[in-house]
C-alpha atoms as a PDB file:
ATOM      1  CA  MET A   1      16.469-123.525 211.131  1.00  0.00           C
ATOM      2  CA  ALA A   2      13.787-126.548 210.569  1.00  0.00           C
ATOM      3  CA  LYS A   3      15.467-129.840 210.398  1.00  0.00           C
ATOM      4  CA  LYS A   4      15.553-131.702 207.314  1.00  0.00           C
ATOM      5  CA  MET A   5      14.792-135.172 206.132  1.00  0.00           C
ATOM      6  CA  ALA A   6      15.489-136.721 202.641  1.00  0.00           C
ATOM      7  CA  ILE A   7      13.794-139.899 201.728  1.00  0.00           C
ATOM      8  CA  ILE A   8      14.179-142.118 198.601  1.00  0.00           C
ATOM      9  CA  ALA A   9      11.374-144.380 197.890  1.00  0.00           C
ATOM     10  CA  THR A  10      11.829-147.082 195.038  1.00  0.00           C
ATOM     11  CA  ARG A  11       9.381-149.579 195.961  1.00  0.00           C
ATOM     12  CA  GLY A  12       5.526-149.611 194.636  1.00  0.00           C
ATOM     13  CA  THR A  13       3.865-152.237 196.302  1.00  0.00           C
ATOM     14  CA  LEU A  14       1.524-151.813 199.428  1.00  0.00           C
ATOM     15  CA  ASP A  15       3.446-152.857 202.026  1.00  0.00           C
ATOM     16  CA  TRP A  16       6.022-150.753 200.878  1.00  0.00           C
ATOM     17  CA  ALA A  17       4.047-147.551 200.549  1.00  0.00           C
ATOM     18  CA  TYR A  18       3.655-146.938 204.110  1.00  0.00           C
ATOM     19  CA  PRO A  19       7.234-146.131 205.181  1.00  0.00           C
ATOM     20  CA  PRO A  20       8.147-143.098 203.194  1.00  0.00           C
ATOM     21  CA  PHE A  21       4.682-141.674 203.716  1.00  0.00           C
ATOM     22  CA  ILE A  22       4.216-142.315 207.383  1.00  0.00           C
ATOM     23  CA  LEU A  23       7.911-141.007 208.215  1.00  0.00           C
ATOM     24  CA  SER A  24       7.474-137.982 205.834  1.00  0.00           C
ATOM     25  CA  SER A  25       3.921-136.919 207.138  1.00  0.00           C
ATOM     26  CA  THR A  26       5.311-137.589 210.814  1.00  0.00           C
ATOM     27  CA  ALA A  27       8.508-135.719 210.121  1.00  0.00           C
ATOM     28  CA  ALA A  28       6.368-132.780 208.398  1.00  0.00           C
ATOM     29  CA  ALA A  29       4.161-132.643 211.555  1.00  0.00           C
ATOM     30  CA  LEU A  30       7.219-132.200 213.830  1.00  0.00           C
ATOM     31  CA  GLY A  31       8.269-129.468 211.726  1.00  0.00           C
ATOM     32  CA  TYR A  32      10.864-130.952 209.447  1.00  0.00           C
ATOM     33  CA  GLU A  33      11.365-129.654 205.911  1.00  0.00           C
ATOM     34  CA  VAL A  34      10.588-132.987 204.100  1.00  0.00           C
ATOM     35  CA  GLN A  35      11.400-134.071 200.676  1.00  0.00           C
ATOM     36  CA  VAL A  36      10.678-137.622 198.988  1.00  0.00           C
ATOM     37  CA  PHE A  37      12.738-138.862 195.929  1.00  0.00           C
ATOM     38  CA  TYR A  38      10.344-141.478 194.072  1.00  0.00           C
ATOM     39  CA  THR A  39      12.145-143.655 191.650  1.00  0.00           C
ATOM     40  CA  PHE A  40      11.738-146.628 189.748  1.00  0.00           C
ATOM     41  CA  TYR A  41       9.028-148.790 191.186  1.00  0.00           C
ATOM     42  CA  GLY A  42       8.411-146.365 193.890  1.00  0.00           C
ATOM     43  CA  LEU A  43       7.096-144.025 190.880  1.00  0.00           C
ATOM     44  CA  ASN A  44       3.512-145.970 191.394  1.00  0.00           C
ATOM     45  CA  LEU A  45       2.935-144.334 194.664  1.00  0.00           C
ATOM     46  CA  LEU A  46       2.599-141.133 192.725  1.00  0.00           C
ATOM     47  CA  LYS A  47       0.276-142.345 190.430  1.00  0.00           C
ATOM     48  CA  LYS A  48      -3.401-140.867 190.200  1.00  0.00           C
ATOM     49  CA  ASP A  49      -4.827-144.765 189.743  1.00  0.00           C
ATOM     50  CA  LEU A  50      -3.460-146.386 193.026  1.00  0.00           C
ATOM     51  CA  ASN A  51      -3.880-150.128 192.412  1.00  0.00           C
ATOM     52  CA  LEU A  52      -1.012-151.454 195.057  1.00  0.00           C
ATOM     53  CA  LYS A  53      -0.641-154.712 195.658  1.00  0.00           C
ATOM     54  CA  VAL A  54       1.342-156.831 198.683  1.00  0.00           C
ATOM     55  CA  SER A  55       3.981-159.121 197.190  1.00  0.00           C
ATOM     56  CA  PRO A  56       4.914-161.979 199.334  1.00  0.00           C
ATOM     57  CA  LEU A  57       7.489-162.932 196.724  1.00  0.00           C
ATOM     58  CA  GLY A  58      10.790-162.132 197.449  1.00  0.00           C
ATOM     59  CA  ASN A  59       9.367-161.025 201.067  1.00  0.00           C
ATOM     60  CA  PRO A  60      10.930-162.810 203.699  1.00  0.00           C
ATOM     61  CA  GLY A  61       9.788-161.030 206.240  1.00  0.00           C
ATOM     62  CA  MET A  62       6.057-161.791 205.731  1.00  0.00           C
ATOM     63  CA  PRO A  63       4.830-164.349 208.316  1.00  0.00           C
ATOM     64  CA  MET A  64       3.652-167.609 207.452  1.00  0.00           C
ATOM     65  CA  LYS A  65       0.866-167.095 210.057  1.00  0.00           C
ATOM     66  CA  MET A  66      -0.685-164.438 208.684  1.00  0.00           C
ATOM     67  CA  PRO A  67      -1.730-161.911 211.279  1.00  0.00           C
ATOM     68  CA  PHE A  68      -4.528-160.279 209.388  1.00  0.00           C
ATOM     69  CA  GLY A  69      -7.665-161.247 207.787  1.00  0.00           C
ATOM     70  CA  PRO A  70     -10.829-163.057 209.884  1.00  0.00           C
ATOM     71  CA  GLN A  71     -10.228-164.671 212.818  1.00  0.00           C
ATOM     72  CA  TRP A  72     -10.593-167.840 211.693  1.00  0.00           C
ATOM     73  CA  PHE A  73      -8.048-167.425 208.752  1.00  0.00           C
ATOM     74  CA  ARG A  74      -5.470-166.007 211.232  1.00  0.00           C
ATOM     75  CA  ASN A  75      -5.201-169.244 213.265  1.00  0.00           C
ATOM     76  CA  ILE A  76      -3.946-171.174 210.116  1.00  0.00           C
ATOM     77  CA  ASN A  77      -0.247-171.867 210.132  1.00  0.00           C
ATOM     78  CA  TRP A  78       0.180-171.555 206.390  1.00  0.00           C
ATOM     79  CA  ASN A  79       4.152-172.764 206.239  1.00  0.00           C
ATOM     80  CA  ILE A  80       4.594-172.008 202.625  1.00  0.00           C
ATOM     81  CA  PRO A  81       7.917-171.587 201.588  1.00  0.00           C
ATOM     82  CA  ASN A  82       8.523-167.810 200.066  1.00  0.00           C
ATOM     83  CA  ALA A  83       9.686-169.594 196.817  1.00  0.00           C
ATOM     84  CA  ILE A  84       6.291-171.183 196.088  1.00  0.00           C
ATOM     85  CA  GLN A  85       4.385-168.489 196.890  1.00  0.00           C
ATOM     86  CA  GLY A  86       5.215-167.128 193.950  1.00  0.00           C
ATOM     87  CA  VAL A  87       3.667-169.976 191.889  1.00  0.00           C
ATOM     88  CA  ILE A  88       0.415-170.323 193.663  1.00  0.00           C
ATOM     89  CA  PRO A  89      -2.366-168.669 191.529  1.00  0.00           C
ATOM     90  CA  GLY A  90      -4.008-165.878 193.271  1.00  0.00           C
ATOM     91  CA  PHE A  91      -1.671-166.039 195.987  1.00  0.00           C
ATOM     92  CA  GLU A  92      -0.643-162.015 195.763  1.00  0.00           C
ATOM     93  CA  SER A  93      -4.395-161.309 195.088  1.00  0.00           C
ATOM     94  CA  LEU A  94      -5.261-162.847 198.588  1.00  0.00           C
ATOM     95  CA  ALA A  95      -2.300-161.196 200.317  1.00  0.00           C
ATOM     96  CA  THR A  96      -3.429-158.089 199.000  1.00  0.00           C
ATOM     97  CA  VAL A  97      -7.353-158.537 199.755  1.00  0.00           C
ATOM     98  CA  LEU A  98      -6.322-159.499 203.255  1.00  0.00           C
ATOM     99  CA  MET A  99      -3.815-156.830 203.741  1.00  0.00           C
ATOM    100  CA  LYS A 100      -6.463-154.176 202.912  1.00  0.00           C
ATOM    101  CA  MET A 101      -8.930-155.708 205.255  1.00  0.00           C
ATOM    102  CA  THR A 102      -6.619-155.464 208.184  1.00  0.00           C
ATOM    103  CA  ILE A 103      -5.596-151.858 207.305  1.00  0.00           C
ATOM    104  CA  ARG A 104      -9.355-150.990 207.233  1.00  0.00           C
ATOM    105  CA  ASN A 105     -10.132-152.927 210.480  1.00  0.00           C
ATOM    106  CA  LYS A 106      -7.183-151.628 212.426  1.00  0.00           C
ATOM    107  CA  GLY A 107      -8.429-147.827 211.619  1.00  0.00           C
ATOM    108  CA  VAL A 108      -4.739-147.197 209.769  1.00  0.00           C
ATOM    109  CA  ALA A 109      -5.083-144.652 207.361  1.00  0.00           C
ATOM    110  CA  SER A 110      -5.033-145.496 203.608  1.00  0.00           C
ATOM    111  CA  ILE A 111      -2.337-144.573 201.270  1.00  0.00           C
ATOM    112  CA  PRO A 112      -4.437-142.135 199.545  1.00  0.00           C
ATOM    113  CA  GLU A 113      -5.260-140.648 202.680  1.00  0.00           C
ATOM    114  CA  LEU A 114      -1.671-140.561 204.009  1.00  0.00           C
ATOM    115  CA  ARG A 115      -0.705-139.018 200.470  1.00  0.00           C
ATOM    116  CA  ALA A 116      -2.950-136.328 200.841  1.00  0.00           C
ATOM    117  CA  LEU A 117      -1.707-135.701 204.356  1.00  0.00           C
ATOM    118  CA  CYS A 118       1.780-135.431 203.037  1.00  0.00           C
ATOM    119  CA  GLN A 119       0.637-132.878 200.279  1.00  0.00           C
ATOM    120  CA  GLU A 120      -1.328-130.924 203.020  1.00  0.00           C
ATOM    121  CA  ALA A 121       2.013-130.932 205.012  1.00  0.00           C
ATOM    122  CA  GLU A 122       3.944-129.711 202.269  1.00  0.00           C
ATOM    123  CA  VAL A 123       6.116-132.834 201.974  1.00  0.00           C
ATOM    124  CA  LYS A 124       7.908-132.267 198.681  1.00  0.00           C
ATOM    125  CA  MET A 125       7.495-134.829 196.623  1.00  0.00           C
ATOM    126  CA  ILE A 126      10.043-135.257 193.255  1.00  0.00           C
ATOM    127  CA  ALA A 127       9.114-137.756 190.358  1.00  0.00           C
ATOM    128  CA  CYS A 128      12.423-139.209 188.917  1.00  0.00           C
ATOM    129  CA  GLN A 129      12.527-137.692 185.791  1.00  0.00           C
ATOM    130  CA  MET A 130      15.256-140.005 184.287  1.00  0.00           C
ATOM    131  CA  THR A 131      12.690-143.207 185.574  1.00  0.00           C
ATOM    132  CA  VAL A 132      10.035-141.413 183.953  1.00  0.00           C
ATOM    133  CA  ASP A 133      11.652-141.144 180.628  1.00  0.00           C
ATOM    134  CA  LEU A 134      12.943-144.628 181.200  1.00  0.00           C
ATOM    135  CA  PHE A 135       9.730-146.495 181.494  1.00  0.00           C
ATOM    136  CA  GLY A 136       8.170-144.060 179.053  1.00  0.00           C
ATOM    137  CA  MET A 137       5.572-142.431 181.559  1.00  0.00           C
ATOM    138  CA  ASN A 138       3.167-139.819 180.713  1.00  0.00           C
ATOM    139  CA  THR A 139       3.056-137.096 183.356  1.00  0.00           C
ATOM    140  CA  ALA A 140      -0.821-137.083 183.127  1.00  0.00           C
ATOM    141  CA  GLU A 141      -0.510-140.528 184.889  1.00  0.00           C
ATOM    142  CA  PHE A 142       0.862-138.486 188.041  1.00  0.00           C
ATOM    143  CA  ILE A 143      -1.098-136.748 190.930  1.00  0.00           C
ATOM    144  CA  ASP A 144      -0.790-132.840 190.787  1.00  0.00           C
ATOM    145  CA  GLY A 145       1.665-131.026 193.107  1.00  0.00           C
ATOM    146  CA  ILE A 146       4.606-133.147 192.567  1.00  0.00           C
ATOM    147  CA  ASP A 147       8.084-132.171 191.114  1.00  0.00           C
ATOM    148  CA  TYR A 148      10.214-133.859 188.368  1.00  0.00           C
ATOM    149  CA  GLY A 149      14.042-133.885 188.540  1.00  0.00           C
ATOM    150  CA  GLY A 150      17.083-136.000 188.657  1.00  0.00           C
ATOM    151  CA  ALA A 151      19.469-137.420 191.061  1.00  0.00           C
ATOM    152  CA  ALA A 152      21.410-133.893 191.309  1.00  0.00           C
ATOM    153  CA  THR A 153      18.120-132.013 192.113  1.00  0.00           C
ATOM    154  CA  PHE A 154      17.247-134.467 195.213  1.00  0.00           C
ATOM    155  CA  LEU A 155      21.294-135.022 196.182  1.00  0.00           C
ATOM    156  CA  GLU A 156      21.389-131.216 196.584  1.00  0.00           C
ATOM    157  CA  PHE A 157      18.811-131.334 199.626  1.00  0.00           C
ATOM    158  CA  ALA A 158      19.734-134.676 201.058  1.00  0.00           C
ATOM    159  CA  GLY A 159      23.414-133.591 201.456  1.00  0.00           C
ATOM    160  CA  ASP A 160      22.345-130.876 203.684  1.00  0.00           C
ATOM    161  CA  SER A 161      19.424-133.207 205.651  1.00  0.00           C
ATOM    162  CA  ASP A 162      19.737-134.347 209.060  1.00  0.00           C
ATOM    163  CA  ILE A 163      18.299-137.470 208.337  1.00  0.00           C
ATOM    164  CA  CYS A 164      18.359-139.582 204.652  1.00  0.00           C
ATOM    165  CA  LEU A 165      16.357-142.839 204.628  1.00  0.00           C
ATOM    166  CA  PHE A 166      16.345-145.310 201.578  1.00  0.00           C
ATOM    167  CA  THR A 167      12.940-147.106 201.652  1.00  0.00           C
END
């Protein structure tokens, strides 16, 4: 009998897209039966048009000495308080461009690649129907091959899983 892993994905930014896709694809490769429940902003990860950004605002773990981007850029100690980052025009766009550059330069798989890998590995991806309805989303916005369901659908699986994670 295969082990089971259940993940709830609630965030839809570039940096928060990696944990559910990496964990679910790895677990599936190890033989786990995996389900991921995408709710609220996590639904962005299931959209056909992935326009994911890094959000430094409210992310106190983001280093002020940027470990990404060109070498000259990495050596600058930014010392910008988190609260100020949100009001600097273009800071989110800059952080996103630099993060994408670093992901590519380090040979890390992109989110579309990881998502496709999850689909190939038969990770069951469930879009929260209540959130789809709440936000007035159209199912045509989402990739093919996903399921729609509510919390009860997911909890039935999660209640019997060996590992439950919230990302």
